[in-house]
Amino acid sequence: MSKIATAGNKGGGIRSDCFVTLELKNGDGIIVNLKSKVEALFGDEIRDQAIKILKFFGISDAEITMEDTGALPFVIAARIEAAVKQLIDTEKNYLFEILPENKYQTEKDRFRFTRLYLPGNTPKLMINAGIHKPDGIILDLEDAVAPDKKDEARFLVRNALSLINFYGAERMVRINQGERGLEDLEYVVPYNVNMILIPKVESAERILEVENKINEIKAKHGIDYNIWYMPILESALGVENAFEIATASPNVVAMAIGLEDYTADIGVQRTNEGTESLYARMRMVNACKAAGIQPIDSVFSDVADMEGLLENVKRSKALGFEGMGCIHPRQIAVIKEGFKPAETELEKAKKIMVAFEKAKKEGKGVISLGTKMIDPPVVKRAEKTIKLAVQFAMLPENWLEEELNNNDK
């Protein structure tokens, strides 16, 4: 085994990261070579941290060279640990306490309009992602990470789950396919992840494989809260098995479609209009509705075209989707705007809910609005519209009470 290892990123445009070169020695203690843009302020602290981490892993003789571009301590620690574990066989993990503000769980039916994808090996994009207020933040270990960086990305994602303030966003991780994906779970399940995104799912068996591994890790660490799953359908076979996948586990709370891979699988070009994927999207939406989970649409890849994005969101909503993926923070506000209830939709929902409450108070078994009867599914849809309006601050939470009081006057 080589006695030299590297980890991290360097080069033009790299910020908030650290590139580490570690060489094990037979003597001379620990030598730290540091080149840092913040050396004058934090050089001594960075050197002390490097020595502390190496000693934690039982390394007393080594030369470590660090090219730092403003990395936070959890990033430095992840890079050093990744290098160490290329050189020695150890079961020790250099862990941080989870921030108290990150120790929250999420509800099964929470709104998931926006989920922001962040490459799992790029710390500069993670650090302030929560301030953009996405509904979920995805630390991606799969397609967004180069194959030769996937091992070290695990340490960075693990530390990020512990130490980055997500400001209430659902804390998501997209794992890899196959056995690597199951191994990824060891680095995320114990660190208060809320949801696991499972890529390229084609059968219920994959969901059960992931669930069995998660249950094993939860039992090992004494975890008793729910971790949700969002399978991603990215092939013709996955689409055909949509309902089977959606109902594979009670912890499947949403399902997404990945249109780049899906269109490649069926041999067509993806278009903004989406005609080529209409069958797949509708089949997935129908499966989700039948299973009682949320259908989530694919990402819109042109981050400069906000008008095109809004039109895409409106089409998505019209098909029954309840959220979309984001690849840039600027897409978040546009997607949320597109999923807001229209004024006409909201006014109709308000009238239905007022009629429903009046009928309940009067003990009527039949609810009507004007000359039309109101069926339970219509009431349920109106309730959801009202809930959305409250979420978007279009209505106060006590709107119904105020409305009924005004009608009684």
Protein backbone atom coordinates (compact mmCIF):
# COMPACT_ATOMS: atom_id res chain seq x y z
CA MET A 1 0.00 0.00 0.00
CA SER A 2 1.23 3.47 -0.88
CA LYS A 3 2.43 5.63 1.99
CA ILE A 4 1.19 8.82 0.30
CA ALA A 5 -2.47 9.83 -0.01
CA THR A 6 -4.36 12.92 -1.15
CA ALA A 7 -7.87 14.25 -0.50
CA GLY A 8 -9.82 17.42 -1.25
CA ASN A 9 -9.97 19.86 -4.14
CA LYS A 10 -7.57 22.47 -5.45
CA GLY A 11 -7.21 24.76 -8.43
CA GLY A 12 -8.96 27.82 -9.83
CA GLY A 13 -12.38 28.61 -8.42
CA ILE A 14 -11.99 26.35 -5.39
CA ARG A 15 -13.15 28.01 -2.17
CA SER A 16 -13.81 26.86 1.39
CA ASP A 17 -11.86 23.66 0.79
CA CYS A 18 -8.54 22.09 1.62
CA PHE A 19 -6.30 19.82 -0.46
CA VAL A 20 -4.33 17.46 1.74
CA THR A 21 -1.26 15.39 0.90
CA LEU A 22 -0.32 12.93 3.63
CA GLU A 23 2.86 10.87 3.76
CA LEU A 24 3.59 8.40 6.54
CA LYS A 25 7.16 8.49 7.91
CA ASN A 26 9.32 6.29 10.12
CA GLY A 27 10.41 9.11 12.39
CA ASP A 28 10.71 12.90 12.86
CA GLY A 29 7.23 13.31 14.38
CA ILE A 30 4.47 15.21 12.57
CA ILE A 31 5.50 17.89 10.09
CA VAL A 32 2.76 20.27 8.92
CA ASN A 33 3.29 22.32 5.74
CA LEU A 34 0.53 24.88 5.38
CA LYS A 35 -0.33 27.21 2.54
CA SER A 36 -3.47 29.12 3.47
CA LYS A 37 -5.23 32.33 2.51
CA VAL A 38 -6.08 32.75 6.20
CA GLU A 39 -2.73 31.69 7.63
CA ALA A 40 -2.13 34.99 9.43
CA LEU A 41 -5.36 34.62 11.39
CA PHE A 42 -5.87 30.88 11.73
CA GLY A 43 -2.59 29.21 10.74
CA ASP A 44 -1.74 27.97 14.23
CA GLU A 45 -5.25 26.61 14.77
CA ILE A 46 -5.17 24.72 11.46
CA ARG A 47 -1.78 23.18 12.27
CA ASP A 48 -2.96 22.19 15.76
CA GLN A 49 -6.10 20.62 14.31
CA ALA A 50 -4.09 18.58 11.81
CA ILE A 51 -1.78 17.25 14.51
CA LYS A 52 -4.72 16.45 16.80
CA ILE A 53 -6.53 14.47 14.10
CA LEU A 54 -3.44 12.50 13.08
CA LYS A 55 -2.72 11.61 16.70
CA PHE A 56 -6.38 10.57 17.15
CA PHE A 57 -5.77 7.95 14.46
CA GLY A 58 -2.54 6.82 16.13
CA ILE A 59 -0.21 8.51 13.63
CA SER A 60 2.85 10.00 15.28
CA ASP A 61 5.25 10.28 12.32
CA ALA A 62 4.02 11.88 9.11
CA GLU A 63 4.36 14.86 6.82
CA ILE A 64 1.12 16.58 5.91
CA THR A 65 0.88 19.34 3.31
CA MET A 66 -2.29 21.43 3.29
CA GLU A 67 -3.37 23.83 0.57
CA ASP A 68 -6.21 25.70 2.24
CA THR A 69 -8.71 28.02 0.55
CA GLY A 70 -10.66 29.02 3.63
CA ALA A 71 -11.95 25.61 4.73
CA LEU A 72 -13.96 25.37 7.94
CA PRO A 73 -12.70 22.92 10.60
CA PHE A 74 -15.23 20.21 9.65
CA VAL A 75 -13.98 20.32 6.04
CA ILE A 76 -10.34 20.12 7.09
CA ALA A 77 -11.18 17.19 9.35
CA ALA A 78 -13.01 15.37 6.54
CA ARG A 79 -10.09 15.81 4.14
CA ILE A 80 -7.49 14.62 6.65
CA GLU A 81 -9.60 11.62 7.68
CA ALA A 82 -10.12 10.65 4.03
CA ALA A 83 -6.36 10.71 3.46
CA VAL A 84 -5.65 8.79 6.67
CA LYS A 85 -8.05 6.00 5.75
CA GLN A 86 -6.35 5.50 2.42
CA LEU A 87 -3.15 4.67 4.31
CA ILE A 88 -4.18 2.78 7.44
CA ASP A 89 -6.88 0.29 8.36
CA THR A 90 -8.87 1.73 11.25
CA GLU A 91 -12.44 1.60 12.52
CA LYS A 92 -12.08 4.92 14.35
CA ASN A 93 -14.09 7.91 13.11
CA TYR A 94 -13.29 11.54 13.83
CA LEU A 95 -16.74 12.83 14.74
CA PHE A 96 -18.29 16.13 15.77
CA GLU A 97 -21.29 16.75 18.01
CA ILE A 98 -24.45 17.43 15.99
CA LEU A 99 -25.56 21.06 16.27
CA PRO A 100 -28.58 21.34 18.59
CA GLU A 101 -30.46 23.30 15.91
CA ASN A 102 -30.03 20.37 13.52
CA LYS A 103 -31.64 17.81 15.81
CA TYR A 104 -35.08 17.93 14.25
CA GLN A 105 -37.19 15.38 12.46
CA THR A 106 -39.63 16.05 9.62
CA GLU A 107 -43.25 15.09 9.11
CA LYS A 108 -44.33 12.55 6.54
CA ASP A 109 -46.67 14.96 4.76
CA ARG A 110 -44.64 18.16 4.97
CA PHE A 111 -44.50 20.34 1.87
CA ARG A 112 -41.67 19.41 -0.49
CA PHE A 113 -42.01 21.98 -3.26
CA THR A 114 -38.26 22.52 -3.64
CA ARG A 115 -35.28 20.30 -3.02
CA LEU A 116 -31.86 21.83 -3.72
CA TYR A 117 -29.18 19.47 -5.05
CA LEU A 118 -25.65 20.11 -3.75
CA PRO A 119 -22.57 18.09 -4.82
CA GLY A 120 -21.44 16.06 -1.84
CA ASN A 121 -17.77 16.88 -2.37
CA THR A 122 -18.07 20.67 -2.80
CA PRO A 123 -18.16 22.40 0.60
CA LYS A 124 -18.48 25.98 -0.70
CA LEU A 125 -22.00 25.20 -1.94
CA MET A 126 -23.11 23.57 1.30
CA ILE A 127 -22.16 26.13 3.90
CA ASN A 128 -24.92 28.73 3.38
CA ALA A 129 -27.46 26.68 1.41
CA GLY A 130 -30.08 26.89 4.16
CA ILE A 131 -30.42 30.67 3.91
CA HIS A 132 -32.08 30.28 0.50
CA LYS A 133 -35.00 28.52 2.28
CA PRO A 134 -35.47 25.43 0.12
CA ASP A 135 -37.87 22.87 1.54
CA GLY A 136 -35.09 20.29 1.37
CA ILE A 137 -31.32 20.25 0.89
CA ILE A 138 -29.82 17.23 -0.86
CA LEU A 139 -26.20 16.38 -0.21
CA ASP A 140 -25.54 14.28 -3.29
CA LEU A 141 -23.17 11.33 -3.15
CA GLU A 142 -24.19 9.98 -6.56
CA ASP A 143 -24.05 11.69 -9.96
CA ALA A 144 -22.68 15.01 -8.69
CA VAL A 145 -19.50 13.39 -7.33
CA ALA A 146 -16.66 12.13 -9.54
CA PRO A 147 -16.04 8.38 -9.21
CA ASP A 148 -12.55 8.86 -7.72
CA LYS A 149 -13.94 11.29 -5.11
CA LYS A 150 -16.88 9.25 -3.84
CA ASP A 151 -15.06 7.76 -0.85
CA GLU A 152 -13.85 11.09 0.50
CA ALA A 153 -17.22 12.75 -0.15
CA ARG A 154 -18.73 10.46 2.49
CA PHE A 155 -16.65 12.06 5.25
CA LEU A 156 -17.56 15.56 4.11
CA VAL A 157 -21.29 14.79 3.93
CA ARG A 158 -21.20 13.12 7.35
CA ASN A 159 -19.53 16.16 8.91
CA ALA A 160 -21.85 18.56 7.07
CA LEU A 161 -24.90 16.79 8.51
CA SER A 162 -23.46 17.41 11.97
CA LEU A 163 -22.21 20.97 11.66
CA ILE A 164 -24.00 22.91 8.91
CA ASN A 165 -27.09 24.82 9.98
CA PHE A 166 -29.83 23.81 7.51
CA TYR A 167 -32.28 26.40 8.90
CA GLY A 168 -35.13 23.91 9.09
CA ALA A 169 -34.79 22.47 5.57
CA GLU A 170 -35.35 18.75 5.30
CA ARG A 171 -31.90 17.14 5.50
CA MET A 172 -31.60 14.79 2.53
CA VAL A 173 -28.82 12.64 1.11
CA ARG A 174 -28.85 10.93 -2.27
CA ILE A 175 -26.92 7.69 -1.98
CA ASN A 176 -25.26 5.73 -4.77
CA GLN A 177 -26.58 2.69 -6.57
CA GLY A 178 -25.92 -0.91 -5.55
CA GLU A 179 -23.67 -1.99 -2.72
CA ARG A 180 -21.90 1.37 -2.59
CA GLY A 181 -25.23 3.01 -1.80
CA LEU A 182 -25.80 0.65 1.12
CA GLU A 183 -22.31 1.48 2.41
CA ASP A 184 -23.10 5.20 2.08
CA LEU A 185 -25.82 4.76 4.68
CA GLU A 186 -23.22 4.11 7.39
CA TYR A 187 -22.03 7.70 6.90
CA VAL A 188 -25.43 9.40 7.02
CA VAL A 189 -28.02 7.46 9.03
CA PRO A 190 -26.42 8.07 12.48
CA TYR A 191 -26.14 11.84 11.88
CA ASN A 192 -29.79 12.92 11.94
CA VAL A 193 -30.55 12.66 8.24
CA ASN A 194 -34.28 13.14 7.54
CA MET A 195 -34.61 11.56 4.12
CA ILE A 196 -32.69 9.20 1.84
CA LEU A 197 -33.01 9.66 -1.92
CA ILE A 198 -32.61 6.31 -3.66
CA PRO A 199 -31.52 6.68 -7.31
CA LYS A 200 -32.48 4.63 -10.36
CA VAL A 201 -34.98 2.42 -8.52
CA GLU A 202 -36.57 -0.25 -10.69
CA SER A 203 -38.24 -2.53 -8.14
CA ALA A 204 -39.54 -2.75 -4.59
CA GLU A 205 -36.61 -5.03 -3.73
CA ARG A 206 -34.22 -2.08 -3.83
CA ILE A 207 -36.34 -0.18 -1.32
CA LEU A 208 -36.33 -3.18 1.00
CA GLU A 209 -32.56 -3.57 0.69
CA VAL A 210 -32.09 0.05 1.73
CA GLU A 211 -34.66 -0.24 4.52
CA ASN A 212 -33.05 -3.36 5.97
CA LYS A 213 -29.66 -1.64 6.04
CA ILE A 214 -31.13 1.49 7.64
CA ASN A 215 -32.88 -0.59 10.31
CA GLU A 216 -29.62 -2.39 11.05
CA ILE A 217 -27.77 0.92 11.50
CA LYS A 218 -30.61 2.43 13.56
CA ALA A 219 -30.56 -0.55 15.92
CA LYS A 220 -26.78 -0.30 16.28
CA HIS A 221 -26.95 3.41 17.19
CA GLY A 222 -30.17 3.38 19.20
CA ILE A 223 -32.08 5.56 16.72
CA ASP A 224 -35.86 5.51 17.18
CA TYR A 225 -37.14 8.19 14.78
CA ASN A 226 -38.36 7.79 11.20
CA ILE A 227 -36.07 8.25 8.23
CA TRP A 228 -38.07 8.82 5.05
CA TYR A 229 -37.33 7.54 1.53
CA MET A 230 -37.72 9.20 -1.86
CA PRO A 231 -37.11 6.71 -4.69
CA ILE A 232 -36.14 8.25 -8.03
CA LEU A 233 -37.48 6.61 -11.20
CA GLU A 234 -35.00 7.00 -14.05
CA SER A 235 -35.76 4.17 -16.45
CA ALA A 236 -38.63 2.64 -18.40
CA LEU A 237 -38.66 -0.34 -16.04
CA GLY A 238 -38.79 1.92 -12.99
CA VAL A 239 -41.78 3.78 -14.43
CA GLU A 240 -43.62 0.54 -15.19
CA ASN A 241 -43.10 -0.58 -11.58
CA ALA A 242 -44.05 2.79 -10.07
CA PHE A 243 -46.91 1.63 -7.82
CA GLU A 244 -44.95 -1.38 -6.55
CA ILE A 245 -42.09 0.95 -5.60
CA ALA A 246 -44.38 3.59 -4.08
CA THR A 247 -45.95 1.02 -1.75
CA ALA A 248 -42.79 -0.92 -0.87
CA SER A 249 -42.51 0.67 2.61
CA PRO A 250 -44.51 3.05 4.83
CA ASN A 251 -41.35 5.19 4.92
CA VAL A 252 -41.64 5.97 1.20
CA VAL A 253 -43.24 9.43 1.45
CA ALA A 254 -42.45 10.86 -1.98
CA MET A 255 -41.24 9.65 -5.35
CA ALA A 256 -39.36 11.63 -7.98
CA ILE A 257 -38.69 11.18 -11.66
CA GLY A 258 -35.29 11.80 -13.24
CA LEU A 259 -35.98 12.83 -16.81
CA GLU A 260 -32.40 13.09 -18.09
CA ASP A 261 -31.78 9.39 -17.47
CA TYR A 262 -35.33 8.37 -18.38
CA THR A 263 -35.25 10.00 -21.82
CA ALA A 264 -31.80 8.52 -22.45
CA ASP A 265 -33.16 5.10 -21.50
CA ILE A 266 -36.01 5.29 -24.02
CA GLY A 267 -33.74 6.86 -26.65
CA VAL A 268 -35.26 10.32 -27.10
CA GLN A 269 -34.23 13.93 -26.50
CA ARG A 270 -35.64 15.76 -23.51
CA THR A 271 -37.59 18.92 -24.38
CA ASN A 272 -39.01 21.77 -22.29
CA GLU A 273 -42.53 20.86 -23.41
CA GLY A 274 -42.07 17.33 -22.04
CA THR A 275 -44.26 15.54 -24.60
CA GLU A 276 -41.75 12.68 -24.77
CA SER A 277 -42.05 12.01 -21.02
CA LEU A 278 -45.77 12.68 -20.52
CA TYR A 279 -46.66 9.01 -20.17
CA ALA A 280 -43.93 8.38 -17.60
CA ARG A 281 -44.77 11.46 -15.55
CA MET A 282 -48.50 10.73 -15.52
CA ARG A 283 -47.94 7.09 -14.66
CA MET A 284 -45.74 8.10 -11.74
CA VAL A 285 -48.19 10.77 -10.54
CA ASN A 286 -51.03 8.26 -10.67
CA ALA A 287 -49.00 5.68 -8.73
CA CYS A 288 -48.13 8.27 -6.07
CA LYS A 289 -51.71 9.46 -5.68
CA ALA A 290 -52.93 5.87 -5.41
CA ALA A 291 -50.27 5.15 -2.77
CA GLY A 292 -50.93 8.40 -0.87
CA ILE A 293 -47.45 9.85 -1.32
CA GLN A 294 -46.07 12.99 -3.00
CA PRO A 295 -45.10 12.99 -6.70
CA ILE A 296 -42.02 15.17 -7.30
CA ASP A 297 -40.99 16.34 -10.76
CA SER A 298 -37.50 16.40 -12.29
CA VAL A 299 -35.11 19.35 -12.32
CA PHE A 300 -35.21 22.14 -14.93
CA SER A 301 -31.67 22.31 -16.24
CA ASP A 302 -31.47 25.84 -17.69
CA VAL A 303 -30.65 27.95 -14.63
CA ALA A 304 -30.74 31.19 -16.65
CA ASP A 305 -34.27 30.75 -18.03
CA MET A 306 -36.61 31.83 -15.23
CA GLU A 307 -39.61 32.32 -17.53
CA GLY A 308 -39.15 28.84 -18.96
CA LEU A 309 -38.85 27.45 -15.44
CA LEU A 310 -42.11 29.09 -14.32
CA GLU A 311 -43.96 27.71 -17.33
CA ASN A 312 -42.50 24.29 -16.58
CA VAL A 313 -43.66 24.51 -12.96
CA LYS A 314 -47.19 25.43 -14.04
CA ARG A 315 -47.30 22.43 -16.39
CA SER A 316 -45.94 20.25 -13.60
CA LYS A 317 -48.59 21.42 -11.15
CA ALA A 318 -51.32 20.87 -13.75
CA LEU A 319 -50.23 17.24 -14.08
CA GLY A 320 -50.49 16.70 -10.31
CA PHE A 321 -46.88 17.07 -9.20
CA GLU A 322 -46.26 18.57 -5.77
CA GLY A 323 -42.65 19.71 -6.07
CA MET A 324 -39.54 19.91 -8.23
CA GLY A 325 -35.81 19.55 -7.94
CA CYS A 326 -33.52 22.61 -8.04
CA ILE A 327 -29.94 22.82 -9.25
CA HIS A 328 -29.46 26.50 -8.36
CA PRO A 329 -30.76 28.58 -5.43
CA ARG A 330 -32.27 31.16 -7.80
CA GLN A 331 -34.80 28.52 -8.92
CA ILE A 332 -36.29 28.11 -5.44
CA ALA A 333 -38.47 31.25 -5.36
CA VAL A 334 -39.73 30.67 -8.92
CA ILE A 335 -40.76 27.09 -8.18
CA LYS A 336 -42.55 28.08 -4.98
CA GLU A 337 -44.36 30.86 -6.84
CA GLY A 338 -45.51 28.35 -9.45
CA PHE A 339 -46.91 25.97 -6.86
CA LYS A 340 -48.83 28.68 -4.98
CA PRO A 341 -52.61 28.43 -5.30
CA ALA A 342 -54.07 30.76 -7.90
CA GLU A 343 -56.45 33.43 -6.55
CA THR A 344 -59.46 31.85 -8.25
CA GLU A 345 -58.46 28.43 -6.90
CA LEU A 346 -58.11 29.87 -3.39
CA GLU A 347 -61.43 31.71 -3.45
CA LYS A 348 -63.24 28.55 -4.54
CA ALA A 349 -61.53 26.54 -1.79
CA LYS A 350 -62.54 29.12 0.82
CA LYS A 351 -66.19 28.97 -0.23
CA ILE A 352 -66.15 25.17 -0.10
CA MET A 353 -64.62 25.13 3.39
CA VAL A 354 -67.07 27.73 4.71
CA ALA A 355 -70.00 25.70 3.31
CA PHE A 356 -68.51 22.53 4.80
CA GLU A 357 -68.14 24.07 8.28
CA LYS A 358 -71.66 25.51 8.19
CA ALA A 359 -73.11 22.13 7.19
CA LYS A 360 -71.26 20.47 10.07
CA LYS A 361 -72.57 23.01 12.57
CA GLU A 362 -76.12 22.56 11.32
CA GLY A 363 -75.80 18.76 11.40
CA LYS A 364 -76.42 18.36 7.69
CA GLY A 365 -75.28 15.20 5.96
CA VAL A 366 -75.24 16.82 2.54
CA ILE A 367 -72.98 19.77 1.74
CA SER A 368 -73.89 22.14 -1.06
CA LEU A 369 -72.49 25.28 -2.59
CA GLY A 370 -75.25 27.07 -4.44
CA THR A 371 -76.97 24.37 -6.47
CA LYS A 372 -73.99 22.00 -6.51
CA MET A 373 -73.37 19.14 -4.13
CA ILE A 374 -69.87 18.96 -2.61
CA ASP A 375 -68.33 15.48 -2.43
CA PRO A 376 -65.70 14.50 0.21
CA PRO A 377 -62.83 14.44 -2.36
CA VAL A 378 -63.69 18.04 -3.29
CA VAL A 379 -63.54 19.05 0.37
CA LYS A 380 -60.23 17.26 0.76
CA ARG A 381 -58.78 19.11 -2.23
CA ALA A 382 -60.07 22.42 -0.85
CA GLU A 383 -58.45 21.66 2.53
CA LYS A 384 -55.14 21.07 0.80
CA THR A 385 -55.43 24.33 -1.14
CA ILE A 386 -56.13 26.22 2.10
CA LYS A 387 -53.18 24.55 3.79
CA LEU A 388 -50.96 25.65 0.91
CA ALA A 389 -52.27 29.19 1.14
CA VAL A 390 -51.46 29.32 4.86
CA GLN A 391 -47.99 27.93 4.12
CA PHE A 392 -47.41 30.71 1.58
CA ALA A 393 -48.81 33.36 3.97
CA MET A 394 -51.72 34.05 1.61
CA LEU A 395 -54.11 33.40 4.50
CA PRO A 396 -53.80 33.65 8.30
CA GLU A 397 -54.12 30.37 10.19
CA ASN A 398 -57.40 31.50 11.81
CA TRP A 399 -58.96 32.65 8.53
CA LEU A 400 -61.91 30.23 8.78
CA GLU A 401 -62.94 31.42 12.21
CA GLU A 402 -62.84 35.03 11.02
CA GLU A 403 -64.78 34.16 7.86
CA LEU A 404 -67.53 32.38 9.79
CA ASN A 405 -67.78 35.24 12.29
CA ASN A 406 -68.13 37.77 9.44
CA ASN A 407 -70.85 35.68 7.80
CA ASP A 408 -72.80 35.50 11.07
CA LYS A 409 -72.90 39.28 11.45
